[in-house]
Amino acid sequence: MNYRMIIYIMGQILRIVGLCMLLPILVGFIYNESHVITTFGIPAVITLIISFAFTVKKPKDRSIFSMESFVSVAASWVSMSAIGALPFVISGEIPNYIDALFETVSGFTTTGSTILGDVENMSRSCMFWRAFTHWLGGMGVLMFVLAVMNSNDVRTMHMMRAECAGPNVGRLVSKSSFSARILYGIYIFLTAAEVIVLVILKMPIYDAIIHACSSAGTGGFSLWNDSIAHYNSPAIEMAVAIFILLFGVNFNLYYFLAIKKFALVFKNEELRVYLGVIVCATGVIGISLVEHYGSVLESLRRTFFMVCSTITSTGFATTDTGEWNNFAQTLLVLLMFVGACAGSTGGGMKVSRILIIVKTGIRELKYIVSPRAVATVKMDGKPVEKDVIRGASNYFILFMLIYAFSVLMLSFDTFTFEENVSAVTTCMNNIGFGLGRLDTSGNFGGFSVFSKLVLCFDMLIGRLEIYPLIMLFGIRKRY
């Protein structure tokens, strides 16, 4: 294990986080908030000092393998979450450190779950930092570091694989660093586009930036207790819904569109299934809620937004899902597990991974019926490699084991079984809201310190897709 290189990578990531902490200071100056210097200046200086100490001397051995990549990514996410919570504590807006840590982990992992009962009392600078953690965590801080690195060797590919979501990671161009730049360029373009659209639709510029950052990371932190419903604007709702849907698409496909390789986009099976699930879920849930909303159009409008918000793991809300019937709520929970596309900022298990698992199951059924039959698992018309199939199956098994263990740990708390299950579901899939007291109008503040730490672990497990956290806290030996 190359520990010196792991520390060096952590230093590079923490430097970005430290510099980003200066942005809320600017916001504080704009809104005449005098506390911003100490609130964000102290954590920023601490972070930059640690970063300098970690990077002042470049390691002689700069080799990186999968183990180093996984450990450095996991350690960096834990570190930046621990440091990112300090502004909330220093400002006194979330005085309990564990609560602040939960809010920050929820931000960086783009989960959107909150312990706050009244977010509207938060200062503008802290509210900006809270939403900006979504934007940083959406594409990943490490991806930003890779974007500014000049390297085309296998090191950057290992690091991309450690942080990017989905069953497989590939480069768009020959250099991994160029791939990261392309992806971040698309990310920034879509974020800026959403800000412009929301401003055109009469949303205040500050509100537009907050919601664009949350949409880009598919996180869901809003500056209003009633989320997007606060604006009571169908135009704003549809704009936000379309953008979070776009952020749930594999970013590689946008690059293919840009270079006019339309065939690669149209034949992408994951994209077709992703859009198909959204259309079908909207129709089925919408029909079941017609009586609740009084009209078909109103029901479809509310349902479309919540389906997009759920499957992309964003967590914005335009209605109280706690008032929905059991059928509609159950379908939303199932959509939490499906998630968005691989290579997007969305959470969940990813559509491509679900497709691989389902197709593998069908293949095994065919084999049982006809052992001599030759059946292969295909995606986009091409056979899927055995390593990818095995990886998807292993991920599902580990996911369900951790899921069951987390539900068991939360059972010591005072919440109902339904609420505990939905809490783990929403945190591991990085959604934001659950059922019962955790629905779109509730919060996670009632959980014990132990339960909040368990859920913090679940959020990190979901965002980093299990293996980095296991490598950090468990296996150390390179095989």
Protein backbone atom coordinates (compact mmCIF):
# COMPACT_ATOMS: atom_id res chain seq x y z
CA MET A 1 0.00 0.00 0.00
CA ASN A 2 1.45 3.35 -1.06
CA TYR A 3 0.33 5.39 1.97
CA ARG A 4 2.41 8.42 0.99
CA MET A 5 0.56 8.69 -2.31
CA ILE A 6 -2.80 8.26 -0.57
CA ILE A 7 -1.98 11.20 1.72
CA TYR A 8 -0.85 13.26 -1.29
CA ILE A 9 -4.14 12.65 -3.13
CA MET A 10 -6.09 13.53 0.03
CA GLY A 11 -4.14 16.79 0.23
CA GLN A 12 -5.06 17.68 -3.34
CA ILE A 13 -8.76 17.05 -2.68
CA LEU A 14 -8.79 18.95 0.63
CA ARG A 15 -7.17 21.93 -1.09
CA ILE A 16 -10.16 22.19 -3.43
CA VAL A 17 -12.56 21.92 -0.49
CA GLY A 18 -10.65 24.60 1.44
CA LEU A 19 -10.72 27.01 -1.50
CA CYS A 20 -14.42 26.36 -2.06
CA MET A 21 -15.08 27.42 1.54
CA LEU A 22 -14.11 30.94 0.50
CA LEU A 23 -17.20 31.23 -1.75
CA PRO A 24 -19.70 31.41 1.16
CA ILE A 25 -17.62 34.29 2.55
CA LEU A 26 -18.36 36.23 -0.64
CA VAL A 27 -22.05 35.38 -0.28
CA GLY A 28 -21.93 36.58 3.33
CA PHE A 29 -20.42 39.91 2.29
CA ILE A 30 -23.17 40.39 -0.30
CA TYR A 31 -25.85 39.83 2.34
CA ASN A 32 -24.02 41.71 5.13
CA GLU A 33 -23.50 38.67 7.35
CA SER A 34 -20.68 39.60 9.72
CA HIS A 35 -20.08 36.08 11.04
CA VAL A 36 -18.82 34.64 7.74
CA ILE A 37 -15.14 35.41 8.38
CA THR A 38 -14.96 33.18 11.44
CA THR A 39 -17.63 30.73 10.25
CA PHE A 40 -15.87 29.84 7.02
CA GLY A 41 -12.44 31.44 7.40
CA ILE A 42 -11.34 29.19 10.28
CA PRO A 43 -12.32 25.88 8.60
CA ALA A 44 -10.86 27.09 5.28
CA VAL A 45 -7.50 27.91 6.88
CA ILE A 46 -7.44 24.61 8.78
CA THR A 47 -8.21 22.70 5.58
CA LEU A 48 -5.59 24.53 3.52
CA ILE A 49 -2.93 24.00 6.22
CA ILE A 50 -3.66 20.27 6.28
CA SER A 51 -3.60 20.24 2.49
CA PHE A 52 -0.24 22.01 2.40
CA ALA A 53 1.22 19.56 4.92
CA PHE A 54 -0.03 16.60 2.84
CA THR A 55 1.25 17.93 -0.51
CA VAL A 56 4.36 19.96 0.34
CA LYS A 57 6.53 17.05 -0.74
CA LYS A 58 5.65 14.90 -3.71
CA PRO A 59 6.02 11.16 -3.12
CA LYS A 60 8.94 9.48 -4.85
CA ASP A 61 6.81 6.45 -5.55
CA ARG A 62 3.71 7.76 -7.35
CA SER A 63 2.30 4.40 -8.35
CA ILE A 64 -1.42 3.91 -7.77
CA PHE A 65 -3.40 0.71 -7.96
CA SER A 66 -7.05 -0.01 -7.25
CA MET A 67 -6.47 -0.34 -3.50
CA GLU A 68 -4.77 3.06 -3.17
CA SER A 69 -7.48 4.68 -5.29
CA PHE A 70 -10.33 3.23 -3.22
CA VAL A 71 -8.72 4.12 0.11
CA SER A 72 -7.73 7.66 -0.93
CA VAL A 73 -11.24 8.38 -2.24
CA ALA A 74 -12.97 7.02 0.88
CA ALA A 75 -10.57 8.78 3.27
CA SER A 76 -10.98 12.06 1.39
CA TRP A 77 -14.79 11.89 1.51
CA VAL A 78 -14.76 11.16 5.24
CA SER A 79 -12.25 13.98 5.86
CA MET A 80 -14.02 16.62 3.81
CA SER A 81 -17.34 15.72 5.45
CA ALA A 82 -15.79 16.06 8.92
CA ILE A 83 -14.26 19.45 8.04
CA GLY A 84 -17.24 20.64 5.99
CA ALA A 85 -19.46 20.35 9.07
CA LEU A 86 -17.43 22.92 11.03
CA PRO A 87 -19.06 26.07 9.56
CA PHE A 88 -22.48 24.94 10.79
CA VAL A 89 -21.11 24.38 14.30
CA ILE A 90 -19.02 27.57 14.45
CA SER A 91 -21.94 29.70 13.27
CA GLY A 92 -24.20 28.07 15.86
CA GLU A 93 -26.82 27.29 13.23
CA ILE A 94 -26.36 23.56 13.85
CA PRO A 95 -24.62 23.56 17.25
CA ASN A 96 -24.53 19.77 17.65
CA TYR A 97 -21.54 18.41 15.69
CA ILE A 98 -23.17 15.05 14.88
CA ASP A 99 -26.19 16.87 13.45
CA ALA A 100 -23.85 19.11 11.44
CA LEU A 101 -21.94 16.06 10.25
CA PHE A 102 -25.17 14.37 9.15
CA GLU A 103 -26.19 17.50 7.21
CA THR A 104 -22.76 17.76 5.57
CA VAL A 105 -22.51 14.07 4.63
CA SER A 106 -26.02 14.38 3.23
CA GLY A 107 -24.80 17.35 1.21
CA PHE A 108 -21.59 15.89 -0.20
CA THR A 109 -23.21 12.53 -0.98
CA THR A 110 -26.09 14.43 -2.65
CA THR A 111 -28.63 12.65 -0.45
CA GLY A 112 -30.60 15.67 0.67
CA SER A 113 -31.84 14.22 3.97
CA THR A 114 -31.88 16.87 6.68
CA ILE A 115 -32.08 17.16 10.45
CA LEU A 116 -33.40 20.73 10.19
CA GLY A 117 -37.02 21.41 11.03
CA ASP A 118 -36.91 25.00 9.75
CA VAL A 119 -34.27 25.58 7.08
CA GLU A 120 -35.58 29.08 6.36
CA ASN A 121 -33.92 30.42 9.53
CA MET A 122 -30.46 29.58 8.19
CA SER A 123 -28.15 32.40 7.10
CA ARG A 124 -27.61 32.96 3.38
CA SER A 125 -23.93 31.98 3.53
CA CYS A 126 -24.56 28.71 5.37
CA MET A 127 -27.50 27.96 3.10
CA PHE A 128 -25.23 28.47 0.09
CA TRP A 129 -22.56 26.17 1.54
CA ARG A 130 -25.20 23.57 2.28
CA ALA A 131 -26.38 23.55 -1.36
CA PHE A 132 -22.86 23.91 -2.79
CA THR A 133 -21.80 20.66 -1.11
CA HIS A 134 -24.36 19.02 -3.43
CA TRP A 135 -22.66 20.55 -6.45
CA LEU A 136 -19.20 19.49 -5.29
CA GLY A 137 -20.31 15.98 -4.43
CA GLY A 138 -22.39 15.49 -7.57
CA MET A 139 -19.54 15.10 -10.01
CA GLY A 140 -17.01 14.47 -7.23
CA VAL A 141 -14.15 16.57 -5.90
CA LEU A 142 -11.65 13.97 -7.10
CA MET A 143 -13.01 14.34 -10.63
CA PHE A 144 -12.18 18.05 -10.40
CA VAL A 145 -8.64 17.21 -9.29
CA LEU A 146 -8.30 14.80 -12.22
CA ALA A 147 -9.58 17.49 -14.56
CA VAL A 148 -6.57 19.68 -13.75
CA MET A 149 -4.02 16.86 -13.80
CA ASN A 150 -1.87 16.24 -16.85
CA SER A 151 -1.63 12.48 -16.91
CA ASN A 152 -2.64 9.78 -19.33
CA ASP A 153 -1.38 6.82 -17.36
CA VAL A 154 -3.36 4.17 -15.54
CA ARG A 155 -3.33 6.12 -12.26
CA THR A 156 -6.08 8.52 -13.25
CA MET A 157 -8.20 5.66 -14.59
CA HIS A 158 -7.99 3.85 -11.25
CA MET A 159 -9.08 7.01 -9.44
CA MET A 160 -11.98 7.65 -11.83
CA ARG A 161 -13.15 4.09 -11.31
CA ALA A 162 -13.02 4.57 -7.53
CA GLU A 163 -15.31 7.61 -7.51
CA CYS A 164 -17.55 7.28 -10.58
CA ALA A 165 -20.89 5.57 -10.14
CA GLY A 166 -22.01 2.57 -12.15
CA PRO A 167 -20.93 -0.94 -13.10
CA ASN A 168 -18.21 0.17 -15.51
CA VAL A 169 -16.08 3.25 -16.24
CA GLY A 170 -14.49 4.14 -19.54
CA ARG A 171 -12.58 7.07 -20.95
CA LEU A 172 -14.12 9.35 -23.54
CA VAL A 173 -10.74 10.24 -25.01
CA SER A 174 -7.22 8.86 -24.73
CA LYS A 175 -6.34 10.84 -21.60
CA SER A 176 -8.34 10.29 -18.42
CA SER A 177 -7.65 13.88 -17.37
CA PHE A 178 -9.21 15.12 -20.62
CA SER A 179 -12.22 12.89 -19.98
CA ALA A 180 -12.64 14.50 -16.57
CA ARG A 181 -12.43 17.97 -18.12
CA ILE A 182 -15.08 17.10 -20.69
CA LEU A 183 -17.42 15.73 -18.01
CA TYR A 184 -16.91 18.74 -15.74
CA GLY A 185 -17.44 21.07 -18.69
CA ILE A 186 -20.80 19.43 -19.39
CA TYR A 187 -21.64 19.61 -15.68
CA ILE A 188 -20.89 23.34 -15.47
CA PHE A 189 -22.77 24.06 -18.72
CA LEU A 190 -25.94 22.30 -17.53
CA THR A 191 -25.75 24.02 -14.13
CA ALA A 192 -25.39 27.46 -15.72
CA ALA A 193 -28.20 26.68 -18.16
CA GLU A 194 -30.55 25.84 -15.30
CA VAL A 195 -29.68 29.06 -13.46
CA ILE A 196 -30.49 31.07 -16.60
CA VAL A 197 -33.78 29.24 -17.24
CA LEU A 198 -34.94 29.66 -13.63
CA VAL A 199 -34.11 33.37 -13.65
CA ILE A 200 -36.08 33.77 -16.88
CA LEU A 201 -39.00 32.09 -15.10
CA LYS A 202 -38.87 34.85 -12.44
CA MET A 203 -37.01 32.95 -9.73
CA PRO A 204 -34.64 35.25 -7.76
CA ILE A 205 -30.98 34.82 -8.76
CA TYR A 206 -29.90 33.56 -5.33
CA ASP A 207 -32.74 31.02 -5.28
CA ALA A 208 -31.87 29.95 -8.83
CA ILE A 209 -28.22 29.31 -7.91
CA ILE A 210 -29.19 27.32 -4.82
CA HIS A 211 -31.65 25.12 -6.69
CA ALA A 212 -29.35 24.70 -9.69
CA CYS A 213 -26.54 23.48 -7.42
CA SER A 214 -28.93 21.06 -5.75
CA SER A 215 -30.34 19.90 -9.10
CA ALA A 216 -26.89 19.40 -10.63
CA GLY A 217 -25.82 17.15 -7.78
CA THR A 218 -29.30 15.58 -7.70
CA GLY A 219 -29.31 16.40 -4.00
CA GLY A 220 -32.49 18.26 -3.13
CA PHE A 221 -31.49 20.86 -0.52
CA SER A 222 -33.75 23.88 -0.91
CA LEU A 223 -33.91 27.19 0.90
CA TRP A 224 -37.61 26.70 1.66
CA ASN A 225 -39.26 24.23 4.02
CA ASP A 226 -41.78 23.29 1.33
CA SER A 227 -39.07 22.95 -1.34
CA ILE A 228 -40.06 23.74 -4.95
CA ALA A 229 -43.74 23.85 -3.95
CA HIS A 230 -42.96 27.25 -2.38
CA TYR A 231 -43.04 28.94 -5.80
CA ASN A 232 -46.44 27.51 -6.77
CA SER A 233 -45.34 27.73 -10.41
CA PRO A 234 -45.96 24.90 -12.88
CA ALA A 235 -43.33 26.42 -15.21
CA ILE A 236 -40.62 26.35 -12.53
CA GLU A 237 -41.65 22.83 -11.49
CA MET A 238 -41.38 21.52 -15.07
CA ALA A 239 -38.06 23.28 -15.64
CA VAL A 240 -36.54 21.78 -12.49
CA ALA A 241 -38.01 18.35 -13.31
CA ILE A 242 -36.50 18.38 -16.81
CA PHE A 243 -33.08 19.45 -15.54
CA ILE A 244 -32.91 16.82 -12.80
CA LEU A 245 -33.98 14.29 -15.43
CA LEU A 246 -31.07 15.48 -17.61
CA PHE A 247 -28.61 15.25 -14.72
CA GLY A 248 -29.74 11.64 -14.27
CA VAL A 249 -28.53 10.75 -17.78
CA ASN A 250 -25.06 9.28 -18.41
CA PHE A 251 -22.84 12.30 -19.13
CA ASN A 252 -20.96 10.37 -21.79
CA LEU A 253 -24.07 10.58 -23.96
CA TYR A 254 -23.91 14.39 -23.94
CA TYR A 255 -20.37 14.17 -25.25
CA PHE A 256 -21.55 11.84 -28.02
CA LEU A 257 -24.27 14.37 -28.89
CA ALA A 258 -21.69 17.15 -29.00
CA ILE A 259 -19.48 15.23 -31.47
CA LYS A 260 -22.59 14.22 -33.48
CA LYS A 261 -22.42 10.50 -32.77
CA PHE A 262 -26.20 10.32 -32.48
CA ALA A 263 -26.38 6.58 -33.15
CA LEU A 264 -24.50 5.85 -29.91
CA VAL A 265 -27.12 7.84 -28.01
CA PHE A 266 -30.20 6.39 -29.68
CA LYS A 267 -29.09 2.78 -29.27
CA ASN A 268 -28.21 3.23 -25.58
CA GLU A 269 -30.41 0.70 -23.82
CA GLU A 270 -29.98 2.17 -20.37
CA LEU A 271 -31.26 5.58 -21.54
CA ARG A 272 -34.32 4.03 -23.20
CA VAL A 273 -35.19 2.03 -20.07
CA TYR A 274 -34.56 5.07 -17.82
CA LEU A 275 -36.96 7.24 -19.81
CA GLY A 276 -39.42 4.37 -20.18
CA VAL A 277 -39.56 3.80 -16.43
CA ILE A 278 -40.20 7.52 -15.84
CA VAL A 279 -43.06 7.57 -18.37
CA CYS A 280 -44.65 4.34 -17.09
CA ALA A 281 -44.30 5.26 -13.40
CA THR A 282 -45.74 8.72 -14.04
CA GLY A 283 -48.73 7.24 -15.86
CA VAL A 284 -49.47 4.50 -13.34
CA ILE A 285 -49.04 6.64 -10.22
CA GLY A 286 -50.81 9.59 -11.84
CA ILE A 287 -53.88 7.51 -12.63
CA SER A 288 -53.99 6.19 -9.07
CA LEU A 289 -53.97 9.76 -7.70
CA VAL A 290 -56.55 11.37 -9.98
CA GLU A 291 -59.18 11.26 -7.25
CA HIS A 292 -56.71 12.78 -4.75
CA TYR A 293 -55.86 15.79 -6.97
CA GLY A 294 -59.22 16.18 -8.67
CA SER A 295 -58.00 16.22 -12.28
CA VAL A 296 -55.84 14.12 -14.59
CA LEU A 297 -53.52 16.98 -15.59
CA GLU A 298 -52.89 18.07 -12.00
CA SER A 299 -52.23 14.48 -10.94
CA LEU A 300 -49.79 13.86 -13.84
CA ARG A 301 -48.02 17.16 -13.17
CA ARG A 302 -47.43 16.37 -9.49
CA THR A 303 -46.55 12.77 -10.24
CA PHE A 304 -44.08 13.55 -13.03
CA PHE A 305 -42.11 15.87 -10.78
CA MET A 306 -41.97 13.44 -7.87
CA VAL A 307 -41.07 10.48 -10.13
CA CYS A 308 -38.19 12.48 -11.66
CA SER A 309 -37.13 13.67 -8.21
CA THR A 310 -37.17 10.12 -6.83
CA ILE A 311 -35.57 8.09 -9.62
CA THR A 312 -32.76 10.64 -10.00
CA SER A 313 -32.34 10.67 -6.19
CA THR A 314 -32.81 14.46 -6.08
CA GLY A 315 -35.42 14.69 -3.35
CA PHE A 316 -37.08 17.98 -4.29
CA ALA A 317 -40.80 18.05 -3.55
CA THR A 318 -43.90 19.80 -4.87
CA THR A 319 -46.39 17.83 -2.77
CA ASP A 320 -46.60 15.90 0.49
CA THR A 321 -46.13 12.27 -0.53
CA GLY A 322 -47.28 11.22 2.93
CA GLU A 323 -50.81 11.95 1.71
CA TRP A 324 -50.46 9.58 -1.27
CA ASN A 325 -52.03 6.12 -1.26
CA ASN A 326 -49.99 3.03 -0.37
CA PHE A 327 -49.65 1.96 -4.01
CA ALA A 328 -48.10 5.29 -5.06
CA GLN A 329 -45.74 5.39 -2.06
CA THR A 330 -44.63 1.80 -2.69
CA LEU A 331 -43.78 2.57 -6.31
CA LEU A 332 -41.72 5.58 -5.20
CA VAL A 333 -39.74 3.35 -2.83
CA LEU A 334 -39.06 0.90 -5.68
CA LEU A 335 -37.87 3.78 -7.87
CA MET A 336 -35.41 4.71 -5.10
CA PHE A 337 -33.66 1.38 -5.61
CA VAL A 338 -33.60 1.67 -9.41
CA GLY A 339 -31.94 5.07 -9.47
CA ALA A 340 -30.60 7.00 -12.45
CA CYS A 341 -28.14 6.09 -15.20
CA ALA A 342 -24.55 5.05 -14.59
CA GLY A 343 -22.15 7.93 -15.19
CA SER A 344 -24.69 10.51 -13.99
CA THR A 345 -24.89 12.45 -10.73
CA GLY A 346 -27.95 10.41 -9.70
CA GLY A 347 -28.01 7.81 -6.95
CA GLY A 348 -29.65 4.42 -6.55
CA MET A 349 -28.35 1.10 -7.83
CA LYS A 350 -28.31 2.49 -11.42
CA VAL A 351 -30.51 1.39 -14.31
CA SER A 352 -27.67 -0.41 -16.11
CA ARG A 353 -26.82 -2.50 -13.07
CA ILE A 354 -30.49 -3.44 -12.59
CA LEU A 355 -30.68 -4.39 -16.28
CA ILE A 356 -27.60 -6.60 -16.01
CA ILE A 357 -28.94 -8.35 -12.91
CA VAL A 358 -32.37 -8.94 -14.50
CA LYS A 359 -30.86 -10.22 -17.75
CA THR A 360 -28.51 -12.49 -15.82
CA GLY A 361 -31.49 -13.94 -13.96
CA ILE A 362 -33.33 -14.55 -17.24
CA ARG A 363 -30.24 -16.24 -18.67
CA GLU A 364 -30.05 -18.56 -15.66
CA LEU A 365 -33.73 -19.47 -16.06
CA LYS A 366 -33.10 -20.34 -19.71
CA TYR A 367 -30.15 -22.48 -18.65
CA ILE A 368 -32.30 -24.38 -16.12
CA VAL A 369 -34.92 -25.09 -18.78
CA SER A 370 -32.39 -25.93 -21.49
CA PRO A 371 -28.86 -26.62 -20.12
CA ARG A 372 -27.38 -26.91 -23.62
CA ALA A 373 -28.67 -23.53 -24.75
CA VAL A 374 -26.07 -20.79 -25.20
CA ALA A 375 -27.37 -17.48 -23.85
CA THR A 376 -25.37 -14.32 -23.36
CA VAL A 377 -26.15 -11.13 -21.47
CA LYS A 378 -26.14 -8.18 -23.86
CA MET A 379 -26.31 -4.42 -23.45
CA ASP A 380 -26.66 -2.14 -26.47
CA GLY A 381 -26.45 -5.23 -28.65
CA LYS A 382 -23.01 -6.22 -27.33
CA PRO A 383 -22.15 -9.07 -24.94
CA VAL A 384 -21.45 -7.89 -21.40
CA GLU A 385 -18.08 -8.98 -20.00
CA LYS A 386 -18.16 -11.63 -17.28
CA ASP A 387 -16.30 -9.32 -14.88
CA VAL A 388 -19.05 -6.70 -15.24
CA ILE A 389 -21.79 -9.30 -14.65
CA ARG A 390 -19.99 -10.65 -11.61
CA GLY A 391 -19.41 -7.13 -10.32
CA ALA A 392 -23.10 -6.23 -10.63
CA SER A 393 -24.16 -9.40 -8.81
CA ASN A 394 -21.58 -8.94 -6.05
CA TYR A 395 -22.60 -5.31 -5.62
CA PHE A 396 -26.25 -6.28 -5.22
CA ILE A 397 -25.39 -8.93 -2.61
CA LEU A 398 -23.19 -6.56 -0.58
CA PHE A 399 -25.78 -3.79 -0.90
CA MET A 400 -28.56 -5.97 0.53
CA LEU A 401 -26.35 -7.30 3.35
CA ILE A 402 -25.41 -3.77 4.45
CA TYR A 403 -29.02 -2.67 3.96
CA ALA A 404 -30.34 -5.42 6.26
CA PHE A 405 -27.65 -4.75 8.88
CA SER A 406 -28.41 -1.00 8.86
CA VAL A 407 -32.14 -1.60 9.33
CA LEU A 408 -31.27 -3.85 12.29
CA MET A 409 -29.07 -1.12 13.82
CA LEU A 410 -31.85 1.46 13.48
CA SER A 411 -34.30 -0.86 15.21
CA PHE A 412 -32.83 0.24 18.56
CA ASP A 413 -34.34 3.68 17.92
CA THR A 414 -37.93 4.78 18.57
CA PHE A 415 -39.05 4.99 14.94
CA THR A 416 -41.40 2.44 13.37
CA PHE A 417 -40.17 -0.43 11.21
CA GLU A 418 -41.57 1.31 8.12
CA GLU A 419 -39.70 4.50 8.95
CA ASN A 420 -36.45 2.67 9.70
CA VAL A 421 -36.61 0.76 6.42
CA SER A 422 -37.37 3.93 4.46
CA ALA A 423 -34.55 5.80 6.27
CA VAL A 424 -31.97 3.22 5.21
CA THR A 425 -33.48 3.04 1.73
CA THR A 426 -33.33 6.79 1.20
CA CYS A 427 -29.81 7.14 2.65
CA MET A 428 -28.19 4.22 0.84
CA ASN A 429 -29.79 5.31 -2.43
CA ASN A 430 -29.06 9.00 -1.72
CA ILE A 431 -32.69 10.11 -2.15
CA GLY A 432 -33.51 12.44 0.76
CA PHE A 433 -37.02 11.63 1.95
CA GLY A 434 -38.70 8.51 3.28
CA LEU A 435 -42.02 7.43 4.73
CA GLY A 436 -43.97 8.38 7.84
CA ARG A 437 -42.19 11.06 9.85
CA LEU A 438 -39.47 11.11 7.18
CA ASP A 439 -41.66 12.03 4.21
CA THR A 440 -41.22 15.20 2.17
CA SER A 441 -42.58 17.33 5.03
CA GLY A 442 -40.50 15.63 7.77
CA ASN A 443 -36.83 15.41 8.78
CA PHE A 444 -34.28 13.07 10.40
CA GLY A 445 -33.67 15.17 13.51
CA GLY A 446 -35.46 12.70 15.80
CA PHE A 447 -32.97 9.88 15.32
CA SER A 448 -30.41 9.13 18.03
CA VAL A 449 -26.71 9.95 17.64
CA PHE A 450 -25.95 6.28 16.94
CA SER A 451 -28.64 6.05 14.25
CA LYS A 452 -27.41 9.25 12.60
CA LEU A 453 -23.88 7.85 12.40
CA VAL A 454 -25.22 4.64 10.88
CA LEU A 455 -27.13 6.68 8.31
CA CYS A 456 -24.03 8.79 7.59
CA PHE A 457 -22.18 5.56 6.83
CA ASP A 458 -25.08 4.45 4.61
CA MET A 459 -25.00 7.71 2.66
CA LEU A 460 -21.27 7.35 2.02
CA ILE A 461 -21.72 3.69 1.10
CA GLY A 462 -24.39 4.66 -1.41
CA ARG A 463 -22.44 7.53 -2.99
CA LEU A 464 -19.11 5.70 -3.22
CA GLU A 465 -20.80 2.38 -4.09
CA ILE A 466 -19.57 0.27 -1.17
CA TYR A 467 -16.05 -0.78 -2.12
CA PRO A 468 -14.04 2.36 -1.15
CA LEU A 469 -15.54 2.35 2.37
CA ILE A 470 -14.89 -1.38 2.76
CA MET A 471 -11.29 -0.89 1.66
CA LEU A 472 -10.85 2.01 4.10
CA PHE A 473 -12.34 0.37 7.18
CA GLY A 474 -11.75 -3.28 6.35
CA ILE A 475 -9.42 -4.88 3.85
CA ARG A 476 -5.93 -3.36 3.68
CA LYS A 477 -3.94 -6.06 1.91
CA ARG A 478 -3.43 -5.80 -1.84
CA TYR A 479 -4.11 -9.08 -3.63
